[in-house]
Structures are given as structure tokens and as C-alpha cells.
Protein backbone atom coordinates (compact mmCIF):
# COMPACT_ATOMS: atom_id res chain seq x y z
CA MET A 1 137.96 41.75 263.44
CA HIS A 2 134.60 39.96 262.60
CA ASN A 3 133.43 36.08 263.28
CA LEU A 4 134.26 35.29 259.58
CA SER A 5 136.31 33.14 257.69
CA ILE A 6 137.47 35.03 254.53
CA VAL A 7 138.86 32.81 251.58
CA ILE A 8 141.39 33.97 248.93
CA LEU A 9 141.33 32.07 245.44
CA ALA A 10 144.69 31.83 244.13
CA ALA A 11 144.69 29.56 242.25
CA GLY A 12 144.54 30.43 238.43
CA LYS A 13 147.15 29.97 235.75
CA GLY A 14 146.16 33.99 234.22
CA SER A 15 146.64 32.45 230.50
CA ARG A 16 145.99 36.35 229.55
CA MET A 17 149.01 38.05 231.22
CA LYS A 18 150.97 36.19 229.15
CA SER A 19 154.07 35.82 231.29
CA PRO A 20 155.49 32.42 232.74
CA ILE A 21 155.09 34.46 236.22
CA ALA A 22 152.09 33.56 238.22
CA LYS A 23 149.11 35.84 238.15
CA VAL A 24 149.19 37.12 241.54
CA LEU A 25 152.64 37.13 241.66
CA HIS A 26 152.70 40.05 239.48
CA ASN A 27 153.52 43.56 241.18
CA ILE A 28 151.92 46.33 241.86
CA CYS A 29 153.79 49.44 243.87
CA GLY A 30 156.27 46.68 244.71
CA ARG A 31 154.22 43.49 246.03
CA PRO A 32 152.35 40.93 244.52
CA MET A 33 149.15 41.88 243.45
CA LEU A 34 147.74 38.76 245.61
CA TYR A 35 149.61 40.43 248.98
CA TYR A 36 146.88 43.61 248.96
CA SER A 37 143.74 41.14 249.18
CA ILE A 38 145.37 39.51 252.02
CA LYS A 39 146.72 42.88 253.50
CA ALA A 40 142.38 43.68 253.62
CA ALA A 41 141.61 40.87 254.78
CA LYS A 42 143.43 40.33 257.74
CA GLU A 43 141.97 43.96 258.43
CA ILE A 44 138.56 41.71 259.65
CA SER A 45 139.61 38.81 259.95
CA ASP A 46 141.50 36.24 261.77
CA ASP A 47 140.82 32.86 259.86
CA ILE A 48 142.39 33.73 255.69
CA ILE A 49 142.85 31.00 253.75
CA VAL A 50 144.04 31.08 250.23
CA VAL A 51 143.70 28.51 247.56
CA VAL A 52 146.84 27.85 245.63
CA ALA A 53 147.47 25.42 242.95
CA HIS A 54 149.35 26.64 240.06
CA GLN A 55 153.38 27.95 241.01
CA LYS A 56 151.70 27.50 244.47
CA GLU A 57 155.39 26.40 246.24
CA LYS A 58 156.07 29.89 244.80
CA VAL A 59 153.43 31.79 245.73
CA ILE A 60 153.13 30.42 249.07
CA SER A 61 156.93 31.51 249.32
CA ARG A 62 156.30 34.46 248.49
CA ILE A 63 152.97 35.16 250.78
CA ASN A 64 155.00 33.33 253.69
CA GLU A 65 157.75 36.23 253.27
CA LEU A 66 154.45 38.87 253.73
CA PHE A 67 152.46 37.73 256.37
CA GLN A 68 152.40 35.09 258.83
CA GLU A 69 148.98 33.17 260.23
CA ILE A 70 147.86 32.40 256.39
CA THR A 71 146.37 29.04 256.20
CA PHE A 72 146.82 27.42 252.00
CA VAL A 73 144.86 25.14 250.53
CA VAL A 74 146.23 23.44 247.43
CA GLN A 75 143.30 22.45 244.97
CA ASP A 76 143.14 19.83 242.41
CA ALA A 77 143.01 21.55 239.90
CA GLU A 78 143.07 18.67 237.30
CA THR A 79 140.30 17.03 239.11
CA PHE A 80 138.57 19.87 239.81
CA PRO A 81 138.67 22.86 238.30
CA GLY A 82 137.83 26.26 238.65
CA THR A 83 136.11 28.54 241.26
CA GLY A 84 133.62 25.87 242.87
CA GLY A 85 136.28 23.09 242.63
CA ALA A 86 138.50 25.80 244.19
CA MET A 87 136.59 25.93 247.48
CA MET A 88 136.23 22.10 247.51
CA GLY A 89 137.73 20.59 250.99
CA ILE A 90 137.94 24.00 252.63
CA LYS A 91 137.07 23.74 256.48
CA PRO A 92 136.38 27.74 257.46
CA LYS A 93 136.95 28.25 261.02
CA TYR A 94 133.55 30.65 260.75
CA ASP A 95 130.06 29.98 260.28
CA SER A 96 129.96 33.17 257.65
CA VAL A 97 132.80 32.51 255.49
CA LEU A 98 133.52 35.35 252.50
CA VAL A 99 135.33 34.15 248.92
CA LEU A 100 137.57 36.95 247.82
CA ASN A 101 139.62 36.59 244.33
CA GLY A 102 143.66 36.76 244.86
CA ASP A 103 143.57 38.83 241.70
CA MET A 104 141.61 42.13 243.01
CA PRO A 105 144.56 44.07 244.35
CA LEU A 106 142.60 47.27 245.10
CA VAL A 107 139.92 45.73 247.13
CA THR A 108 139.85 47.39 251.00
CA PRO A 109 138.84 46.73 254.17
CA GLU A 110 136.28 49.69 254.33
CA SER A 111 134.81 47.91 251.22
CA LEU A 112 134.72 44.39 252.71
CA GLN A 113 132.98 45.53 255.68
CA GLY A 114 129.93 45.81 253.33
CA PHE A 115 129.52 41.63 253.53
CA VAL A 116 129.72 41.62 257.30
CA GLY A 117 126.66 41.74 259.16
CA ARG A 118 123.73 39.90 256.80
CA ASP A 119 121.46 38.12 257.56
CA ALA A 120 121.14 37.03 253.62
CA ASP A 121 121.84 32.99 253.13
CA ILE A 122 124.07 34.62 250.44
CA THR A 123 125.15 37.99 249.96
CA MET A 124 127.06 38.62 246.35
CA SER A 125 128.95 41.98 245.14
CA VAL A 126 127.09 42.99 241.29
CA LEU A 127 128.57 46.12 239.90
CA ASP A 128 126.76 48.47 237.40
CA LEU A 129 128.49 48.70 233.98
CA GLU A 130 127.34 50.43 231.05
CA ASP A 131 129.60 47.70 228.85
CA PRO A 132 129.33 44.38 230.98
CA SER A 133 131.03 42.10 228.59
CA GLY A 134 134.01 39.93 229.50
CA TYR A 135 131.19 39.42 233.07
CA GLY A 136 128.68 36.88 234.27
CA ARG A 137 125.52 38.34 234.39
CA VAL A 138 122.79 38.94 237.13
CA VAL A 139 119.44 38.53 237.39
CA ILE A 140 118.40 40.55 239.93
CA SER A 141 114.15 40.64 240.49
CA ASP A 142 112.18 42.06 243.97
CA LEU A 143 113.90 39.23 246.27
CA GLY A 144 117.25 39.55 245.41
CA VAL A 145 119.63 37.42 242.72
CA GLU A 146 117.82 35.04 240.86
CA ARG A 147 120.54 33.48 239.18
CA ILE A 148 124.10 34.49 237.82
CA ILE A 149 124.80 33.39 234.35
CA GLU A 150 128.76 33.35 232.60
CA GLU A 151 129.29 35.04 229.90
CA LYS A 152 130.44 31.81 228.12
CA ASP A 153 126.82 30.44 228.34
CA ALA A 154 125.13 33.82 228.13
CA SER A 155 122.07 34.29 225.64
CA ASN A 156 122.72 37.28 223.48
CA GLU A 157 119.50 38.95 225.61
CA GLU A 158 121.20 37.99 228.26
CA LYS A 159 123.69 39.93 227.17
CA LEU A 160 122.09 42.40 227.39
CA ILE A 161 122.04 42.53 231.31
CA LYS A 162 124.10 45.45 232.85
CA HIS A 163 124.44 44.29 236.41
CA VAL A 164 127.39 41.90 236.91
CA ASN A 165 128.74 39.70 238.68
CA ALA A 166 132.27 41.74 240.57
CA GLY A 167 133.11 38.07 241.72
CA VAL A 168 133.37 38.25 245.70
CA TYR A 169 130.45 36.88 247.78
CA SER A 170 129.31 35.79 251.26
CA PHE A 171 127.83 33.08 252.06
CA LYS A 172 126.52 30.55 255.26
CA ARG A 173 128.93 27.92 255.67
CA SER A 174 125.96 25.76 255.80
CA VAL A 175 125.12 27.05 252.24
CA LEU A 176 127.96 26.08 251.18
CA GLU A 177 128.75 22.81 252.83
CA LYS A 178 125.38 21.55 251.19
CA HIS A 179 125.70 22.88 247.67
CA LEU A 180 129.15 22.08 247.17
CA PRO A 181 129.17 18.26 246.65
CA HIS A 182 126.51 18.42 244.40
CA LEU A 183 128.19 21.31 241.65
CA SER A 184 128.53 20.08 237.83
CA ASN A 185 131.34 20.78 235.76
CA ASN A 186 128.71 20.36 232.71
CA ASN A 187 129.05 23.55 230.51
CA ALA A 188 131.15 25.11 228.00
CA GLN A 189 134.31 25.63 230.25
CA ALA A 190 133.83 21.87 231.78
CA GLU A 191 134.79 23.62 235.07
CA TYR A 192 132.78 23.75 238.69
CA TYR A 193 131.63 26.86 238.91
CA LEU A 194 130.94 28.57 242.50
CA THR A 195 128.59 30.90 241.00
CA ASP A 196 125.75 27.76 240.48
CA ILE A 197 125.78 27.23 244.18
CA ILE A 198 123.63 30.71 243.26
CA TRP A 199 121.02 29.02 241.23
CA MET A 200 120.97 25.78 243.31
CA ALA A 201 120.53 27.86 247.08
CA LYS A 202 117.10 30.36 244.58
CA SER A 203 115.82 26.39 243.85
CA GLY A 204 116.47 25.44 247.61
CA GLY A 205 114.41 28.85 248.74
CA LEU A 206 117.12 30.51 249.96
CA HIS A 207 117.21 34.50 250.00
CA ILE A 208 120.17 36.31 248.10
CA GLU A 209 120.92 39.19 248.39
CA PRO A 210 123.18 41.52 245.84
CA LEU A 211 125.24 44.24 247.10
CA PHE A 212 126.34 46.88 245.57
CA VAL A 213 129.74 47.77 244.67
CA LYS A 214 131.87 50.69 243.42
CA GLU A 215 134.00 49.36 240.37
CA GLU A 216 137.05 50.74 241.24
CA GLN A 217 137.37 48.50 244.41
CA PHE A 218 136.63 45.50 243.46
CA LYS A 219 138.31 45.83 239.49
CA GLY A 220 139.85 42.69 238.54
CA VAL A 221 143.70 42.19 236.86
CA ASN A 222 143.26 40.06 233.68
CA SER A 223 145.81 41.67 231.39
CA LYS A 224 149.48 43.52 231.25
CA SER A 225 146.91 46.82 230.70
CA ASP A 226 145.13 46.05 233.96
CA LEU A 227 148.34 45.56 235.76
CA ALA A 228 149.18 48.83 234.47
CA ALA A 229 145.92 50.57 235.41
CA SER A 230 145.38 49.47 238.79
CA GLU A 231 149.15 50.32 239.51
CA VAL A 232 147.49 53.85 238.98
CA ILE A 233 144.83 53.79 241.02
CA MET A 234 147.06 52.23 243.80
CA GLN A 235 149.71 54.73 242.79
CA ASN A 236 147.30 58.29 243.71
CA ARG A 237 146.17 56.58 247.02
CA ILE A 238 149.52 55.80 248.55
CA LYS A 239 150.93 58.95 247.41
CA GLU A 240 147.47 60.86 249.00
CA TYR A 241 147.99 58.61 252.19
CA TRP A 242 151.33 60.43 252.67
CA MET A 243 150.30 63.25 251.68
CA GLN A 244 147.25 64.13 253.89
CA GLU A 245 150.09 62.78 256.62
CA GLY A 246 152.31 65.93 255.82
CA VAL A 247 154.94 64.86 252.48
CA VAL A 248 155.45 67.73 250.19
CA MET A 249 154.73 66.04 246.98
CA GLN A 250 155.52 68.48 243.75
CA LEU A 251 154.15 67.09 240.44
CA PRO A 252 152.97 63.77 242.47
CA GLU A 253 151.69 62.33 238.88
CA THR A 254 155.13 61.77 237.95
CA ILE A 255 156.29 60.66 241.83
CA TYR A 256 157.19 56.55 241.95
CA ILE A 257 155.93 55.39 245.35
CA ASP A 258 156.15 51.66 246.27
CA GLU A 259 154.07 50.32 248.94
CA ALA A 260 156.36 49.25 251.32
CA VAL A 261 157.79 52.95 251.36
CA GLU A 262 157.92 54.49 254.61
CA PHE A 263 157.79 58.60 255.40
CA LYS A 264 158.39 59.85 258.91
CA GLY A 265 158.33 64.29 259.99
CA GLU A 266 159.04 66.83 257.16
CA CYS A 267 159.40 65.11 254.16
CA ILE A 268 159.91 67.19 250.59
CA VAL A 269 159.46 64.88 247.24
CA GLU A 270 160.08 66.53 244.16
CA ASN A 271 158.99 65.86 240.40
CA GLY A 272 160.25 62.46 238.91
CA VAL A 273 161.56 61.02 241.59
CA ARG A 274 161.08 56.82 242.13
CA ILE A 275 161.07 55.36 245.56
CA THR A 276 161.17 51.71 246.20
CA GLY A 277 161.32 48.80 247.88
CA LYS A 278 161.82 49.54 252.01
CA CYS A 279 162.74 52.24 252.29
CA LEU A 280 162.29 55.43 255.47
CA ILE A 281 162.73 58.71 254.11
CA GLU A 282 162.95 61.04 257.30
CA ASN A 283 163.16 65.20 257.81
CA SER A 284 164.51 65.13 253.91
CA HIS A 285 164.20 66.27 250.52
CA ILE A 286 164.66 63.88 247.51
CA LYS A 287 164.98 66.17 244.88
CA ALA A 288 163.68 66.27 241.41
CA HIS A 289 164.40 62.41 239.12
CA SER A 290 166.10 60.57 241.64
CA ILE A 291 165.98 56.95 242.82
CA VAL A 292 165.73 55.92 246.16
CA GLU A 293 166.11 51.79 246.53
CA GLU A 294 166.10 49.90 249.70
CA SER A 295 167.58 52.10 251.86
CA VAL A 296 167.10 54.63 254.97
CA ILE A 297 167.65 58.61 255.05
CA ILE A 298 167.46 60.50 258.40
CA ASN A 299 167.82 64.61 258.16
CA SER A 300 169.88 64.15 254.57
CA ASP A 301 169.13 65.46 251.37
CA ALA A 302 169.55 64.09 248.07
CA GLY A 303 169.61 64.79 243.82
CA PRO A 304 168.56 66.16 242.07
CA LEU A 305 169.42 62.73 239.31
CA SER A 306 171.39 61.12 242.07
CA HIS A 307 170.72 56.86 243.08
CA ILE A 308 170.73 55.98 246.24
CA ARG A 309 170.33 52.33 245.46
CA PRO A 310 169.87 49.41 248.19
CA GLN A 311 171.27 48.88 251.80
CA THR A 312 172.12 52.55 251.96
CA HIS A 313 172.22 54.89 255.39
CA MET A 314 172.37 57.76 255.86
CA GLU A 315 171.93 60.62 258.25
CA ASN A 316 172.50 64.55 257.85
CA THR A 317 174.09 63.98 254.69
CA HIS A 318 174.02 66.02 251.42
CA ILE A 319 174.35 64.06 248.15
CA GLY A 320 173.86 66.04 245.01
CA ASN A 321 173.38 65.05 241.65
CA PHE A 322 175.17 62.39 239.16
CA VAL A 323 176.29 60.06 242.97
CA GLU A 324 175.36 56.89 243.28
CA VAL A 325 175.60 55.07 246.54
CA LYS A 326 174.68 51.13 247.32
CA LYS A 327 175.47 49.68 250.44
CA SER A 328 177.36 52.13 252.26
CA THR A 329 176.24 53.87 255.47
CA LEU A 330 176.96 57.86 255.87
CA LYS A 331 176.92 60.02 258.65
CA GLY A 332 177.56 63.65 258.53
CA VAL A 333 178.86 63.52 254.75
CA LYS A 334 178.82 65.98 251.47
CA ALA A 335 179.26 64.12 248.13
CA GLY A 336 178.00 67.10 245.99
CA HIS A 337 178.11 65.64 242.49
CA LEU A 338 179.74 63.29 239.67
CA SER A 339 180.71 60.20 242.62
CA TYR A 340 180.34 56.87 243.41
CA ILE A 341 180.61 55.24 246.48
CA GLY A 342 179.90 51.58 247.39
CA ASP A 343 180.42 49.82 250.36
CA ALA A 344 181.51 52.58 252.39
CA GLU A 345 181.01 53.94 255.39
CA ILE A 346 181.71 57.40 256.25
CA ASN A 347 182.28 59.10 258.96
CA GLU A 348 180.57 62.93 259.22
CA GLY A 349 182.57 66.05 258.62
CA THR A 350 184.01 63.74 255.56
CA ASN A 351 183.35 65.62 252.00
CA MET A 352 184.22 63.89 248.99
CA GLY A 353 185.36 66.02 245.42
CA ALA A 354 183.77 65.79 242.13
CA GLY A 355 184.24 62.53 240.34
CA VAL A 356 185.84 60.73 243.63
CA ILE A 357 184.97 57.36 243.60
CA THR A 358 185.37 54.11 245.71
CA CYS A 359 186.79 50.88 243.77
CA ASN A 360 185.33 47.97 245.64
CA TYR A 361 185.80 45.38 243.03
CA ASP A 362 188.30 43.33 242.73
CA GLY A 363 186.87 41.23 239.93
CA LYS A 364 185.96 38.00 241.90
CA LYS A 365 185.12 39.74 244.61
CA LYS A 366 183.60 43.00 247.07
CA HIS A 367 185.65 44.68 249.24
CA LYS A 368 185.34 47.63 251.71
CA THR A 369 186.16 50.91 252.01
CA ILE A 370 186.58 52.57 256.03
CA ILE A 371 186.85 56.21 256.20
CA GLY A 372 186.27 58.59 259.16
CA LYS A 373 185.85 62.18 260.08
CA ASN A 374 186.70 65.49 258.75
CA VAL A 375 188.72 63.40 255.27
CA PHE A 376 188.59 65.77 252.63
CA ILE A 377 189.07 63.64 249.50
CA GLY A 378 190.04 65.75 246.35
CA SER A 379 187.80 65.30 242.76
CA ASP A 380 188.70 62.64 240.82
CA THR A 381 189.94 60.55 243.42
CA GLN A 382 189.93 56.72 243.25
CA ILE A 383 190.08 54.52 246.62
CA VAL A 384 190.86 51.43 245.89
CA ALA A 385 189.00 49.01 248.66
CA PRO A 386 190.08 47.37 250.98
CA CYS A 387 191.19 50.37 252.56
CA THR A 388 190.74 52.32 255.77
CA ILE A 389 191.26 55.70 256.24
CA ASP A 390 191.50 57.20 259.64
CA ASP A 391 190.08 60.42 260.76
CA ASP A 392 191.44 64.22 259.43
CA VAL A 393 192.85 63.29 255.99
CA MET A 394 193.82 65.21 253.00
CA ILE A 395 193.39 63.42 249.92
CA ALA A 396 194.93 65.43 247.07
CA ALA A 397 193.06 65.65 243.53
CA GLY A 398 193.78 63.31 241.22
CA THR A 399 194.95 60.60 243.64
CA THR A 400 194.66 56.74 243.49
CA VAL A 401 194.92 55.08 246.91
CA THR A 402 196.34 51.86 247.08
CA ALA A 403 197.81 51.41 250.63
CA LYS A 404 195.33 48.93 252.89
CA TYR A 405 195.40 51.88 255.68
CA VAL A 406 195.74 56.09 256.11
CA GLU A 407 197.23 57.20 259.06
CA SER A 408 195.51 60.36 260.87
CA GLY A 409 196.77 63.30 260.17
CA VAL A 410 198.69 62.85 256.96
CA LEU A 411 198.47 64.20 253.15
CA VAL A 412 197.74 61.71 250.49
CA LEU A 413 199.03 62.49 247.21
CA SER A 414 199.98 60.75 244.03
CA ARG A 415 200.21 62.98 240.72
CA THR A 416 202.62 62.29 237.33
CA PRO A 417 204.95 65.88 237.33
CA VAL A 418 203.21 67.68 234.19
CA LYS A 419 205.49 68.25 231.42
CA TYR A 420 205.44 71.15 229.03
CA ILE A 421 206.62 70.60 225.50
CA LYS A 422 207.22 73.71 223.98
CA ASN A 423 206.12 74.17 220.12
CA PHE A 424 204.24 70.45 220.53
CA PHE A 425 201.26 71.58 218.41
CA TYR A 426 202.35 73.31 215.98
CA ASN A 427 205.10 70.32 214.96
CA PHE A 428 202.59 67.45 215.62
CA PHE A 429 200.21 69.77 212.96
CA ASN A 430 202.69 71.15 210.38
CA LEU A 431 201.93 74.33 211.03
CA GLU A 432 203.42 77.65 211.41
CA LYS A 433 203.46 79.52 214.75
CA LYS A 434 201.41 82.86 215.03
């Protein structure tokens, strides 16, 4: 931790996203993009201030679900629009103030360390781009940064400058306190630009130091295309981290893993797998083209082509192809193929045959199925919940179990006697028997 206050600007509408969702709440790998800026900031500072305006209630609510001890400041965006307006009324704890953007999800704690401990009055991030269009241009001399020109206000000659503003700044608090009250909105957008403090400070003889940064880490998200590109980079980071931690990934470029997923022990993830939400995968094998959502899987295997839906807890269990499990606890269970298990508790030694389903919904509400140990359930069985099946029970193939309780040791059998009608085929089609 450093004696550094960090202000994250998250007040904008993000109109280029063409979405009713606030820009900073668009998800990347299962988290709102604002989450990543805050996460990086909290690695180096204990004074995090988030400036909100557009859909402020939703932004505050979502971030409070993910973090504690975040200070929120509501920008008066009608009276004081723009990045300069966002900083008005901010009361940082420390003398050094780092200003980030909430739409920079790829920023890392390591990349922010470059702003720490510098003597300059202002340190600003700078990118060198072959195509600088869309960015404010930065004029740099031997004495440091001279000024920043917003692209909307730049001349054709100024637009040829390759140095661009990456949008992250470190200020001495005294610089902000002195110059923020003097900002003007006399520009093409009628906004208060934080960047105007650069020329104010320069005119006052202050030192403004450029800090050249990597484009990937300071990449902003302004469109759905940017969102997708950032998610690809974040996916690569997530998967590289877990492979370094010992997870085996087959064709990792085909695998999708949310930021909240955790692996423990020796795990294998095959191609085409998607794991989302807050999952724990421990000493388990997730086979090709399976989906796991908000679940715990320990000492188990799932797939190929299985679907483990939210609130599932599996231990020492085998789930095979085309098996769907939802909101169930399975301990020592085998369900090899073509089954649906929902709202159930099933204990060790139980075998679910092909086509077994728990009928958990009666059209109005969900009901629970509880199955004990060493229960053998034959293929194409339907268990109508609510139902409790004791230990050591056998259920014959094709049975529909409607009892609310099945006692230990019994065989459950429900079949209509088979009828054989001779020559029916030939009579039906008016054919002669061969």
C-alpha cells in the first residue's frame, strides 16, 4: 500500500456502446469492467473513490456487491460535465492523487506502480500509436509534457502527432485544488476537461512528466468491438494464470473461464468447456464441450457435453454426456448419460441409468428429491417430487415413481404388461404375410 488516493471516473453514459446498460457495467469474463479498475487500484491504495452519475444507483449497488470500503461521489453532470467536472468536489485522503478511468479493464497493479513515488507535479500516461485517431494528442518537449489537444479541437497538423493521451494521471493534490476551480467549458463539447489542467500547470511553471505505457494495459472500451477484444485479452490472462498454477487445459483458446472461477489441486479442462460464475473445481476433470455454472465440483468428472447448472455441489461423482444437473448435491453418484437431475440430494453408491429424470416442477413450484445410498435406478425412470427414497432400493427401468416415500430394501416396479398382436403389421398395411 502507498500513500496514494485513487479516483476512478465511472460517470459516463457510453453512448457508443449502443446499449441501455451503463458502460462500466458491461461484463468482461463475468465481471463488470469497472470491477477490474477497482481491483487493480485496491492492490496499491486504501483510498478508492469512484465517481458516478449515469445509472448511479445501479453502478453503486453492483460494486457494493463486489467490494467493501469504496467511496462513491456523484458528479453533477448537468452543471459540470466532462472529466474535469467529475473531479470537482473530490476530497482525497493523500497528497498524491491517481486518476483512472472505469472503462480500462485491462489495467494491472503492476502498470499503476509506475505512477508511484515520482517527484513531478503531474505524471501522465502516454501511448505511441501508429494510428492515433480517436485519442487526444500529447505535445512533448525535452522539458516534459507541454500540452494535450483533444482530437475534436486539434488541427490537421496536430492530428499527425503519434503521442496520445492514455487517460491516466497522477497529480499532487495541491495542483488539483489550485486549478480545478479555474476550468472552463469553452470548447467544442462544452465540457470541463481535466486535461486543461496540463496547460494551466505548464503556464505556472510546474513539471509535467510523461510516463510511456503499454497499449494493452491502458486500452479503453468504447464499443462492443472493444468489449470483445478486451475479453479475449482477459481470457488469455485468466487461463495463463491457472495453467501456471497447474491446471491442464487442452486447446485453451477454445475454453472460456470467468474471473471468479477457482481451481484447486490437479484439474483437467478439455476443449470447448465453458465455466462461469463463482465456481470451485478441485481435483476434477471437465470434459469436452461441457458447461459449468456457479457450482462446486470436487474429485469428480463431468462430460463430455454435460451441463452443470447453478447451485450444484458434486463430490466423488461421475456425470456423463448429455446429463444436466441443477441445484443438487451429489456425493458418490454415477449418472452416465441422458439424465436430468434437479433440486435433488443423492448419496454415495447410487447409480442413475440412462434417461432418468427428477420431475421437480409441478407447474406452480419446485419440489425436492432425496435419494439415499446404494440406490439403483433403471433407465427411463421418472421420479416425481417431492419424493424421498431410502437406502438400498432398486427401481426397475421404465418406472414412474409417484410415492412421497420409498422404504429401504424394496424393488419399485411400474410397467404395463406387454401385448403381442399377431399379424398386426400385415393387416394394418394390407400386405400378404411372407
